C-alpha atoms as a PDB file:
ATOM      1  CA  UNK A   1      11.210  51.189 -20.057  1.00  0.00           C
ATOM      2  CA  UNK A   2      12.670  48.172 -21.866  1.00  0.00           C
ATOM      3  CA  UNK A   3      14.911  47.458 -18.881  1.00  0.00           C
ATOM      4  CA  UNK A   4      11.937  47.594 -16.492  1.00  0.00           C
ATOM      5  CA  UNK A   5       9.901  45.331 -18.747  1.00  0.00           C
ATOM      6  CA  UNK A   6      12.751  42.824 -18.996  1.00  0.00           C
ATOM      7  CA  UNK A   7      13.236  42.903 -15.225  1.00  0.00           C
ATOM      8  CA  UNK A   8       9.528  42.266 -14.679  1.00  0.00           C
ATOM      9  CA  UNK A   9       9.621  39.336 -17.070  1.00  0.00           C
ATOM     10  CA  UNK A  10      12.660  37.857 -15.300  1.00  0.00           C
ATOM     11  CA  UNK A  11      11.027  38.229 -11.885  1.00  0.00           C
ATOM     12  CA  UNK A  12       7.872  36.583 -13.225  1.00  0.00           C
ATOM     13  CA  UNK A  13       9.874  33.685 -14.668  1.00  0.00           C
ATOM     14  CA  UNK A  14      11.708  33.122 -11.368  1.00  0.00           C
ATOM     15  CA  UNK A  15       8.457  33.275  -9.392  1.00  0.00           C
ATOM     16  CA  UNK A  16       6.876  30.720 -11.691  1.00  0.00           C
ATOM     17  CA  UNK A  17       9.726  28.194 -11.335  1.00  0.00           C
ATOM     18  CA  UNK A  18       8.441  24.925  -9.849  1.00  0.00           C
ATOM     19  CA  UNK A  19       9.167  24.264  -6.183  1.00  0.00           C
ATOM     20  CA  UNK A  20      11.335  21.118  -6.285  1.00  0.00           C
ATOM     21  CA  UNK A  21      11.236  20.647  -2.509  1.00  0.00           C
ATOM     22  CA  UNK A  22       7.441  20.776  -2.360  1.00  0.00           C
ATOM     23  CA  UNK A  23       7.082  18.471  -5.372  1.00  0.00           C
ATOM     24  CA  UNK A  24       9.541  15.996  -3.871  1.00  0.00           C
ATOM     25  CA  UNK A  25       7.762  16.045  -0.493  1.00  0.00           C
ATOM     26  CA  UNK A  26       4.363  15.420  -2.051  1.00  0.00           C
ATOM     27  CA  UNK A  27       5.387  12.780  -4.593  1.00  0.00           C
ATOM     28  CA  UNK A  28       8.720  11.165  -3.669  1.00  0.00           C
ATOM     29  CA  UNK A  29       9.578  11.449   0.038  1.00  0.00           C
ATOM     30  CA  UNK A  30       7.517   8.446   1.226  1.00  0.00           C
ATOM     31  CA  UNK A  31       9.719   6.086  -0.800  1.00  0.00           C
ATOM     32  CA  UNK A  32      13.101   7.858  -1.001  1.00  0.00           C
ATOM     33  CA  UNK A  33      15.349   9.040   1.839  1.00  0.00           C
ATOM     34  CA  UNK A  34      18.584  11.027   1.387  1.00  0.00           C
ATOM     35  CA  UNK A  35      21.024   8.406   2.686  1.00  0.00           C
ATOM     36  CA  UNK A  36      19.036   5.182   3.123  1.00  0.00           C
ATOM     37  CA  UNK A  37      17.204   2.768   0.813  1.00  0.00           C
ATOM     38  CA  UNK A  38      13.500   2.669   1.646  1.00  0.00           C
ATOM     39  CA  UNK A  39      10.967   1.359  -0.870  1.00  0.00           C
ATOM     40  CA  UNK A  40      13.151   2.972  -3.527  1.00  0.00           C
ATOM     41  CA  UNK A  41      16.853   3.846  -3.718  1.00  0.00           C
ATOM     42  CA  UNK A  42      18.426   6.634  -1.689  1.00  0.00           C
ATOM     43  CA  UNK A  43      18.867  10.102  -3.127  1.00  0.00           C
ATOM     44  CA  UNK A  44      22.616   9.502  -3.055  1.00  0.00           C
ATOM     45  CA  UNK A  45      22.169   6.585  -5.460  1.00  0.00           C
ATOM     46  CA  UNK A  46      19.739   8.518  -7.655  1.00  0.00           C
ATOM     47  CA  UNK A  47      22.237  11.393  -7.870  1.00  0.00           C
ATOM     48  CA  UNK A  48      25.007   9.001  -8.898  1.00  0.00           C
ATOM     49  CA  UNK A  49      22.809   7.611 -11.671  1.00  0.00           C
ATOM     50  CA  UNK A  50      21.319  10.841 -13.004  1.00  0.00           C
ATOM     51  CA  UNK A  51      23.616  13.620 -11.795  1.00  0.00           C
ATOM     52  CA  UNK A  52      24.782  14.196 -15.367  1.00  0.00           C
ATOM     53  CA  UNK A  53      21.766  12.758 -17.152  1.00  0.00           C
ATOM     54  CA  UNK A  54      18.682  14.956 -16.792  1.00  0.00           C
ATOM     55  CA  UNK A  55      16.993  13.385 -19.821  1.00  0.00           C
ATOM     56  CA  UNK A  56      17.539   9.921 -18.357  1.00  0.00           C
ATOM     57  CA  UNK A  57      15.955  11.003 -15.066  1.00  0.00           C
ATOM     58  CA  UNK A  58      12.855  12.342 -16.810  1.00  0.00           C
ATOM     59  CA  UNK A  59      12.603   9.219 -18.974  1.00  0.00           C
ATOM     60  CA  UNK A  60      12.828   6.891 -15.979  1.00  0.00           C
ATOM     61  CA  UNK A  61      10.238   8.878 -14.003  1.00  0.00           C
ATOM     62  CA  UNK A  62       7.761   8.909 -16.880  1.00  0.00           C
ATOM     63  CA  UNK A  63       8.327   5.298 -18.021  1.00  0.00           C
ATOM     64  CA  UNK A  64       9.839   3.452 -15.041  1.00  0.00           C
ATOM     65  CA  UNK A  65      10.910  -0.162 -15.206  1.00  0.00           C
ATOM     66  CA  UNK A  66      12.210  -2.621 -12.629  1.00  0.00           C
ATOM     67  CA  UNK A  67      15.953  -2.695 -11.915  1.00  0.00           C
ATOM     68  CA  UNK A  68      15.789  -4.968  -8.855  1.00  0.00           C
ATOM     69  CA  UNK A  69      13.784  -8.209  -8.794  1.00  0.00           C
ATOM     70  CA  UNK A  70      12.815  -7.733  -5.128  1.00  0.00           C
ATOM     71  CA  UNK A  71      11.663  -4.132  -5.504  1.00  0.00           C
ATOM     72  CA  UNK A  72       8.246  -2.634  -6.165  1.00  0.00           C
ATOM     73  CA  UNK A  73       8.054  -0.976  -9.578  1.00  0.00           C
ATOM     74  CA  UNK A  74       7.730   2.780  -9.221  1.00  0.00           C
ATOM     75  CA  UNK A  75       4.483   4.246 -10.575  1.00  0.00           C
ATOM     76  CA  UNK A  76       4.829   6.616 -13.495  1.00  0.00           C
ATOM     77  CA  UNK A  77       5.240  10.282 -12.615  1.00  0.00           C
ATOM     78  CA  UNK A  78       4.349  11.395 -16.156  1.00  0.00           C
ATOM     79  CA  UNK A  79       1.447  13.451 -14.796  1.00  0.00           C
ATOM     80  CA  UNK A  80       3.952  15.879 -13.211  1.00  0.00           C
ATOM     81  CA  UNK A  81       5.397  16.937 -16.568  1.00  0.00           C
ATOM     82  CA  UNK A  82       9.022  17.502 -17.575  1.00  0.00           C
ATOM     83  CA  UNK A  83       9.444  20.906 -15.924  1.00  0.00           C
ATOM     84  CA  UNK A  84       8.341  19.645 -12.507  1.00  0.00           C
ATOM     85  CA  UNK A  85      10.428  16.481 -12.808  1.00  0.00           C
ATOM     86  CA  UNK A  86      13.517  18.540 -13.596  1.00  0.00           C
ATOM     87  CA  UNK A  87      12.804  20.681 -10.528  1.00  0.00           C
ATOM     88  CA  UNK A  88      12.630  17.502  -8.420  1.00  0.00           C
ATOM     89  CA  UNK A  89      15.953  16.354  -9.896  1.00  0.00           C
ATOM     90  CA  UNK A  90      17.600  19.681  -9.020  1.00  0.00           C
ATOM     91  CA  UNK A  91      16.347  19.371  -5.453  1.00  0.00           C
ATOM     92  CA  UNK A  92      17.615  15.773  -5.187  1.00  0.00           C
ATOM     93  CA  UNK A  93      21.061  16.800  -6.390  1.00  0.00           C
ATOM     94  CA  UNK A  94      21.106  19.713  -3.959  1.00  0.00           C
ATOM     95  CA  UNK A  95      20.161  17.856  -0.766  1.00  0.00           C
ATOM     96  CA  UNK A  96      22.250  14.752  -1.524  1.00  0.00           C
ATOM     97  CA  UNK A  97      25.425  16.738  -2.131  1.00  0.00           C
ATOM     98  CA  UNK A  98      28.111  15.508   0.278  1.00  0.00           C
ATOM     99  CA  UNK A  99      25.805  12.898   1.849  1.00  0.00           C
ATOM    100  CA  UNK A 100      27.188   9.388   2.412  1.00  0.00           C
ATOM    101  CA  UNK A 101      24.816   6.449   2.000  1.00  0.00           C
ATOM    102  CA  UNK A 102      24.267   4.365   5.133  1.00  0.00           C
ATOM    103  CA  UNK A 103      23.822   0.642   5.391  1.00  0.00           C
ATOM    104  CA  UNK A 104      20.410  -0.715   6.312  1.00  0.00           C
ATOM    105  CA  UNK A 105      20.183  -0.247  10.090  1.00  0.00           C
ATOM    106  CA  UNK A 106      17.032  -2.305  10.547  1.00  0.00           C
ATOM    107  CA  UNK A 107      15.246   0.792  11.837  1.00  0.00           C
ATOM    108  CA  UNK A 108      12.932   3.435  10.404  1.00  0.00           C
ATOM    109  CA  UNK A 109      15.136   6.467   9.616  1.00  0.00           C
ATOM    110  CA  UNK A 110      12.163   8.785  10.177  1.00  0.00           C
ATOM    111  CA  UNK A 111      11.298   7.385  13.618  1.00  0.00           C
ATOM    112  CA  UNK A 112      14.230   9.005  15.416  1.00  0.00           C
ATOM    113  CA  UNK A 113      13.677  11.480  18.215  1.00  0.00           C
ATOM    114  CA  UNK A 114      12.163  14.783  17.010  1.00  0.00           C
ATOM    115  CA  UNK A 115      15.413  16.499  17.991  1.00  0.00           C
ATOM    116  CA  UNK A 116      17.133  14.438  15.277  1.00  0.00           C
ATOM    117  CA  UNK A 117      14.388  14.390  12.626  1.00  0.00           C
ATOM    118  CA  UNK A 118      12.686  17.616  11.604  1.00  0.00           C
ATOM    119  CA  UNK A 119       9.063  18.163  12.528  1.00  0.00           C
ATOM    120  CA  UNK A 120       6.506  18.565  11.131  1.00  0.00           C
ATOM    121  CA  UNK A 121       6.822  15.451   8.992  1.00  0.00           C
ATOM    122  CA  UNK A 122       4.391  14.081   6.390  1.00  0.00           C
ATOM    123  CA  UNK A 123       4.600  10.444   5.275  1.00  0.00           C
ATOM    124  CA  UNK A 124       2.511   8.711   2.604  1.00  0.00           C
ATOM    125  CA  UNK A 125       2.568   5.151   3.967  1.00  0.00           C
ATOM    126  CA  UNK A 126       0.368   2.114   4.688  1.00  0.00           C
ATOM    127  CA  UNK A 127      -1.150   2.555   8.153  1.00  0.00           C
ATOM    128  CA  UNK A 128      -3.216   0.253  10.386  1.00  0.00           C
ATOM    129  CA  UNK A 129      -6.989   0.779  10.366  1.00  0.00           C
ATOM    130  CA  UNK A 130      -6.819   2.933   7.235  1.00  0.00           C
ATOM    131  CA  UNK A 131      -7.011   2.479   3.479  1.00  0.00           C
ATOM    132  CA  UNK A 132      -3.969   2.212   1.194  1.00  0.00           C
ATOM    133  CA  UNK A 133      -3.955   5.998   0.645  1.00  0.00           C
ATOM    134  CA  UNK A 134      -3.127   6.847   4.263  1.00  0.00           C
ATOM    135  CA  UNK A 135      -1.046   9.916   5.137  1.00  0.00           C
ATOM    136  CA  UNK A 136       0.718  10.086   8.502  1.00  0.00           C
ATOM    137  CA  UNK A 137       1.485  13.527   9.912  1.00  0.00           C
ATOM    138  CA  UNK A 138       3.797  14.293  12.852  1.00  0.00           C
ATOM    139  CA  UNK A 139       3.181  17.814  14.152  1.00  0.00           C
ATOM    140  CA  UNK A 140       5.915  17.930  16.779  1.00  0.00           C
ATOM    141  CA  UNK A 141       7.438  15.785  19.507  1.00  0.00           C
ATOM    142  CA  UNK A 142       3.998  15.042  20.962  1.00  0.00           C
ATOM    143  CA  UNK A 143       1.139  14.739  18.472  1.00  0.00           C
ATOM    144  CA  UNK A 144       0.498  12.839  15.225  1.00  0.00           C
ATOM    145  CA  UNK A 145      -2.476  11.831  13.091  1.00  0.00           C
ATOM    146  CA  UNK A 146      -3.516   9.537  10.258  1.00  0.00           C
ATOM    147  CA  UNK A 147      -5.572  11.056   7.427  1.00  0.00           C
ATOM    148  CA  UNK A 148      -7.023   8.773   4.750  1.00  0.00           C
ATOM    149  CA  UNK A 149      -7.002  10.274   1.244  1.00  0.00           C
ATOM    150  CA  UNK A 150      -9.024   7.341  -0.102  1.00  0.00           C
ATOM    151  CA  UNK A 151     -12.103   8.325   1.904  1.00  0.00           C
ATOM    152  CA  UNK A 152     -11.083  11.953   2.594  1.00  0.00           C
ATOM    153  CA  UNK A 153     -11.251  11.927   6.361  1.00  0.00           C
ATOM    154  CA  UNK A 154      -9.357  11.786   9.601  1.00  0.00           C
ATOM    155  CA  UNK A 155      -8.876   8.239  10.890  1.00  0.00           C
ATOM    156  CA  UNK A 156      -7.219   8.784  14.274  1.00  0.00           C
ATOM    157  CA  UNK A 157      -4.775  10.908  16.247  1.00  0.00           C
ATOM    158  CA  UNK A 158      -2.202   9.856  18.815  1.00  0.00           C
ATOM    159  CA  UNK A 159       0.483  11.178  21.151  1.00  0.00           C
ATOM    160  CA  UNK A 160       3.908  10.157  22.521  1.00  0.00           C
ATOM    161  CA  UNK A 161       5.502   9.195  19.219  1.00  0.00           C
ATOM    162  CA  UNK A 162       5.107   8.948  15.475  1.00  0.00           C
ATOM    163  CA  UNK A 163       5.383   5.730  13.447  1.00  0.00           C
ATOM    164  CA  UNK A 164       7.780   2.866  12.923  1.00  0.00           C
ATOM    165  CA  UNK A 165       7.755   2.481   9.155  1.00  0.00           C
ATOM    166  CA  UNK A 166      10.461  -0.177   8.973  1.00  0.00           C
ATOM    167  CA  UNK A 167       8.007  -3.090   8.422  1.00  0.00           C
ATOM    168  CA  UNK A 168       6.724  -1.138   5.402  1.00  0.00           C
ATOM    169  CA  UNK A 169      10.202  -0.343   4.058  1.00  0.00           C
ATOM    170  CA  UNK A 170      11.529  -3.862   4.666  1.00  0.00           C
ATOM    171  CA  UNK A 171       8.482  -5.443   3.038  1.00  0.00           C
ATOM    172  CA  UNK A 172       8.716  -3.112   0.022  1.00  0.00           C
ATOM    173  CA  UNK A 173       5.247  -1.796   0.766  1.00  0.00           C
ATOM    174  CA  UNK A 174       3.647  -5.164   1.564  1.00  0.00           C
ATOM    175  CA  UNK A 175       3.315  -4.411   5.313  1.00  0.00           C
ATOM    176  CA  UNK A 176       1.904  -1.593   7.401  1.00  0.00           C
ATOM    177  CA  UNK A 177       3.724   0.916   9.550  1.00  0.00           C
ATOM    178  CA  UNK A 178       3.251   0.685  13.307  1.00  0.00           C
ATOM    179  CA  UNK A 179       1.831   3.479  15.425  1.00  0.00           C
ATOM    180  CA  UNK A 180       4.297   4.529  18.129  1.00  0.00           C
ATOM    181  CA  UNK A 181       2.445   6.018  21.079  1.00  0.00           C
ATOM    182  CA  UNK A 182      -1.111   6.103  22.382  1.00  0.00           C
ATOM    183  CA  UNK A 183      -4.200   6.636  20.196  1.00  0.00           C
ATOM    184  CA  UNK A 184      -6.219   9.476  21.748  1.00  0.00           C
ATOM    185  CA  UNK A 185      -8.987  10.005  19.192  1.00  0.00           C
ATOM    186  CA  UNK A 186     -10.659   7.765  16.607  1.00  0.00           C
ATOM    187  CA  UNK A 187     -13.231   8.929  14.056  1.00  0.00           C
ATOM    188  CA  UNK A 188     -15.611   6.241  12.879  1.00  0.00           C
ATOM    189  CA  UNK A 189     -16.973   7.927   9.736  1.00  0.00           C
ATOM    190  CA  UNK A 190     -16.843  11.038   7.591  1.00  0.00           C
ATOM    191  CA  UNK A 191     -18.483  14.080   9.213  1.00  0.00           C
ATOM    192  CA  UNK A 192     -20.236  14.697   5.879  1.00  0.00           C
ATOM    193  CA  UNK A 193     -22.000  11.329   6.033  1.00  0.00           C
ATOM    194  CA  UNK A 194     -21.735   8.170   3.967  1.00  0.00           C
ATOM    195  CA  UNK A 195     -24.128   9.422   1.257  1.00  0.00           C
ATOM    196  CA  UNK A 196     -21.841  12.286   0.175  1.00  0.00           C
ATOM    197  CA  UNK A 197     -19.429  10.913  -2.466  1.00  0.00           C
ATOM    198  CA  UNK A 198     -15.888  12.135  -1.839  1.00  0.00           C
ATOM    199  CA  UNK A 199     -13.069  12.862  -4.309  1.00  0.00           C
ATOM    200  CA  UNK A 200      -9.548  13.687  -3.175  1.00  0.00           C
ATOM    201  CA  UNK A 201      -7.942  16.631  -4.987  1.00  0.00           C
ATOM    202  CA  UNK A 202      -4.516  16.526  -3.338  1.00  0.00           C
ATOM    203  CA  UNK A 203      -2.884  18.588  -0.645  1.00  0.00           C
ATOM    204  CA  UNK A 204      -0.701  21.664  -0.297  1.00  0.00           C
ATOM    205  CA  UNK A 205       1.881  22.319   2.400  1.00  0.00           C
ATOM    206  CA  UNK A 206       1.597  25.363   4.641  1.00  0.00           C
ATOM    207  CA  UNK A 207       4.353  25.766   7.236  1.00  0.00           C
ATOM    208  CA  UNK A 208       5.228  22.130   6.583  1.00  0.00           C
ATOM    209  CA  UNK A 209       1.724  20.822   7.330  1.00  0.00           C
ATOM    210  CA  UNK A 210      -0.768  19.538   4.750  1.00  0.00           C
ATOM    211  CA  UNK A 211      -3.926  21.345   3.695  1.00  0.00           C
ATOM    212  CA  UNK A 212      -6.130  18.580   2.315  1.00  0.00           C
ATOM    213  CA  UNK A 213      -8.422  19.452  -0.593  1.00  0.00           C
ATOM    214  CA  UNK A 214     -11.420  17.323  -1.543  1.00  0.00           C
ATOM    215  CA  UNK A 215     -15.045  17.404  -2.579  1.00  0.00           C
ATOM    216  CA  UNK A 216     -17.837  15.932  -0.456  1.00  0.00           C
ATOM    217  CA  UNK A 217     -20.898  15.809  -2.635  1.00  0.00           C
ATOM    218  CA  UNK A 218     -21.313  19.329  -4.038  1.00  0.00           C
ATOM    219  CA  UNK A 219     -19.063  20.889  -1.389  1.00  0.00           C
ATOM    220  CA  UNK A 220     -15.439  21.829  -2.139  1.00  0.00           C
ATOM    221  CA  UNK A 221     -13.563  21.440   1.134  1.00  0.00           C
ATOM    222  CA  UNK A 222     -10.132  22.369   2.467  1.00  0.00           C
ATOM    223  CA  UNK A 223      -9.160  20.800   5.784  1.00  0.00           C
ATOM    224  CA  UNK A 224      -6.053  21.578   7.830  1.00  0.00           C
ATOM    225  CA  UNK A 225      -4.704  20.854  11.307  1.00  0.00           C
ATOM    226  CA  UNK A 226      -2.401  22.144  13.966  1.00  0.00           C
ATOM    227  CA  UNK A 227      -1.433  20.668  17.325  1.00  0.00           C
ATOM    228  CA  UNK A 228      -2.287  22.102  20.715  1.00  0.00           C
ATOM    229  CA  UNK A 229       0.743  22.558  22.986  1.00  0.00           C
ATOM    230  CA  UNK A 230       2.259  19.586  24.821  1.00  0.00           C
ATOM    231  CA  UNK A 231       0.141  16.911  23.154  1.00  0.00           C
ATOM    232  CA  UNK A 232      -3.131  18.214  24.580  1.00  0.00           C
ATOM    233  CA  UNK A 233      -5.085  17.900  21.323  1.00  0.00           C
ATOM    234  CA  UNK A 234      -5.495  19.249  17.817  1.00  0.00           C
ATOM    235  CA  UNK A 235      -7.290  22.065  16.031  1.00  0.00           C
ATOM    236  CA  UNK A 236      -9.085  21.106  12.847  1.00  0.00           C
ATOM    237  CA  UNK A 237      -9.903  23.895  10.414  1.00  0.00           C
ATOM    238  CA  UNK A 238     -12.435  23.620   7.578  1.00  0.00           C
ATOM    239  CA  UNK A 239     -13.064  26.057   4.755  1.00  0.00           C
ATOM    240  CA  UNK A 240     -15.613  25.681   1.953  1.00  0.00           C
ATOM    241  CA  UNK A 241     -15.105  27.231  -1.475  1.00  0.00           C
ATOM    242  CA  UNK A 242     -18.763  28.318  -1.497  1.00  0.00           C
ATOM    243  CA  UNK A 243     -21.500  28.330   1.142  1.00  0.00           C
ATOM    244  CA  UNK A 244     -23.943  25.417   1.145  1.00  0.00           C
ATOM    245  CA  UNK A 245     -27.466  26.166  -0.087  1.00  0.00           C
ATOM    246  CA  UNK A 246     -28.881  25.730   3.398  1.00  0.00           C
ATOM    247  CA  UNK A 247     -27.812  24.815   6.953  1.00  0.00           C
ATOM    248  CA  UNK A 248     -25.003  22.246   7.050  1.00  0.00           C
ATOM    249  CA  UNK A 249     -25.160  19.352   9.485  1.00  0.00           C
ATOM    250  CA  UNK A 250     -21.988  17.424  10.280  1.00  0.00           C
ATOM    251  CA  UNK A 251     -21.624  14.310  12.403  1.00  0.00           C
ATOM    252  CA  UNK A 252     -18.962  14.138  15.117  1.00  0.00           C
ATOM    253  CA  UNK A 253     -20.126  11.238  17.264  1.00  0.00           C
ATOM    254  CA  UNK A 254     -17.116  11.783  19.473  1.00  0.00           C
ATOM    255  CA  UNK A 255     -14.728   9.566  21.311  1.00  0.00           C
ATOM    256  CA  UNK A 256     -14.731   9.099  25.103  1.00  0.00           C
ATOM    257  CA  UNK A 257     -11.020   9.954  25.065  1.00  0.00           C
ATOM    258  CA  UNK A 258     -11.655  13.380  23.474  1.00  0.00           C
ATOM    259  CA  UNK A 259     -13.898  16.417  23.932  1.00  0.00           C
ATOM    260  CA  UNK A 260     -14.869  18.482  20.877  1.00  0.00           C
ATOM    261  CA  UNK A 261     -15.841  22.147  20.650  1.00  0.00           C
ATOM    262  CA  UNK A 262     -16.554  24.396  17.641  1.00  0.00           C
ATOM    263  CA  UNK A 263     -16.032  28.125  17.144  1.00  0.00           C
ATOM    264  CA  UNK A 264     -19.088  28.276  14.863  1.00  0.00           C
ATOM    265  CA  UNK A 265     -22.587  26.852  14.887  1.00  0.00           C
ATOM    266  CA  UNK A 266     -24.193  24.622  17.498  1.00  0.00           C
ATOM    267  CA  UNK A 267     -22.621  21.329  18.571  1.00  0.00           C
ATOM    268  CA  UNK A 268     -24.892  19.029  20.550  1.00  0.00           C
ATOM    269  CA  UNK A 269     -24.727  15.266  21.030  1.00  0.00           C
ATOM    270  CA  UNK A 270     -22.120  14.909  18.301  1.00  0.00           C
ATOM    271  CA  UNK A 271     -24.079  16.905  15.694  1.00  0.00           C
ATOM    272  CA  UNK A 272     -22.690  20.233  14.486  1.00  0.00           C
ATOM    273  CA  UNK A 273     -25.238  22.516  12.803  1.00  0.00           C
ATOM    274  CA  UNK A 274     -23.899  25.479  10.837  1.00  0.00           C
ATOM    275  CA  UNK A 275     -25.562  28.320   8.971  1.00  0.00           C
ATOM    276  CA  UNK A 276     -24.384  28.721   5.364  1.00  0.00           C
ATOM    277  CA  UNK A 277     -22.253  31.699   6.426  1.00  0.00           C
ATOM    278  CA  UNK A 278     -20.671  29.856   9.379  1.00  0.00           C
ATOM    279  CA  UNK A 279     -19.997  26.786   7.245  1.00  0.00           C
ATOM    280  CA  UNK A 280     -17.604  28.751   5.020  1.00  0.00           C
ATOM    281  CA  UNK A 281     -14.928  28.824   7.716  1.00  0.00           C
ATOM    282  CA  UNK A 282     -14.965  27.038  11.074  1.00  0.00           C
ATOM    283  CA  UNK A 283     -12.582  25.362  13.504  1.00  0.00           C
ATOM    284  CA  UNK A 284     -13.020  22.367  15.781  1.00  0.00           C
ATOM    285  CA  UNK A 285     -10.865  21.916  18.859  1.00  0.00           C
ATOM    286  CA  UNK A 286     -10.278  18.315  19.896  1.00  0.00           C
ATOM    287  CA  UNK A 287      -8.955  18.131  23.460  1.00  0.00           C
ATOM    288  CA  UNK A 288      -7.530  14.806  24.615  1.00  0.00           C
ATOM    289  CA  UNK A 289      -8.637  13.661  28.051  1.00  0.00           C
END
């Protein structure tokens, strides 16, 4: 019995260990690449500085300073806590092992062909026609989108490429990335309307793609995406933590470059009307023309 209890406790402890890869992706990846300096130093350099100094890594992350006069000072990561920061450090040491730092090539290291850079790919970066809290998502070799965490909504989607972030990296965050490809859909406003105050609650990764969590007025919303094959469009899935008190009306004024259908409710002239039950879980399909 004691052995079984100890085994259960050990399994529980292992299961509860923070996911360093996920934490790094959500908090560090936009500014740090394995072998190249972006806004911040490469993971190779970080490993050389803190490979044998875990306390120093945690101290720097919680109370960062400025080591280079031409660099942007890193924001404090104190909100993550020591345990999560140590998990990030372990992940950095793991993926930088044996990696050789490259010289600045003058190109975005994430903009390579999808056969060379893993997809999906999520980048927190300054984007055109979006607020400073933009998140760029590459689904595959064909389709990408820009989601704005500042206003909790989709900005636009495009095909035939991802982004060129080198202007952003070179300018230490003072410039925007460039969209590579053709914009196929643009959304002018939040479907929940301008009168519903929005608050971003972060995102989780599922199969490498973000599930955005936010509140729109009294509604607690999760919003996720997946790409249709061959760059033909995207599916946009909404779930609500609780049904609305009455019918929910959402605005999708549309874009002449895209047709929109819904698996729930009635969509007419850009207005989607859902019963409280249907509003709990529904999917829009955006097909590029």
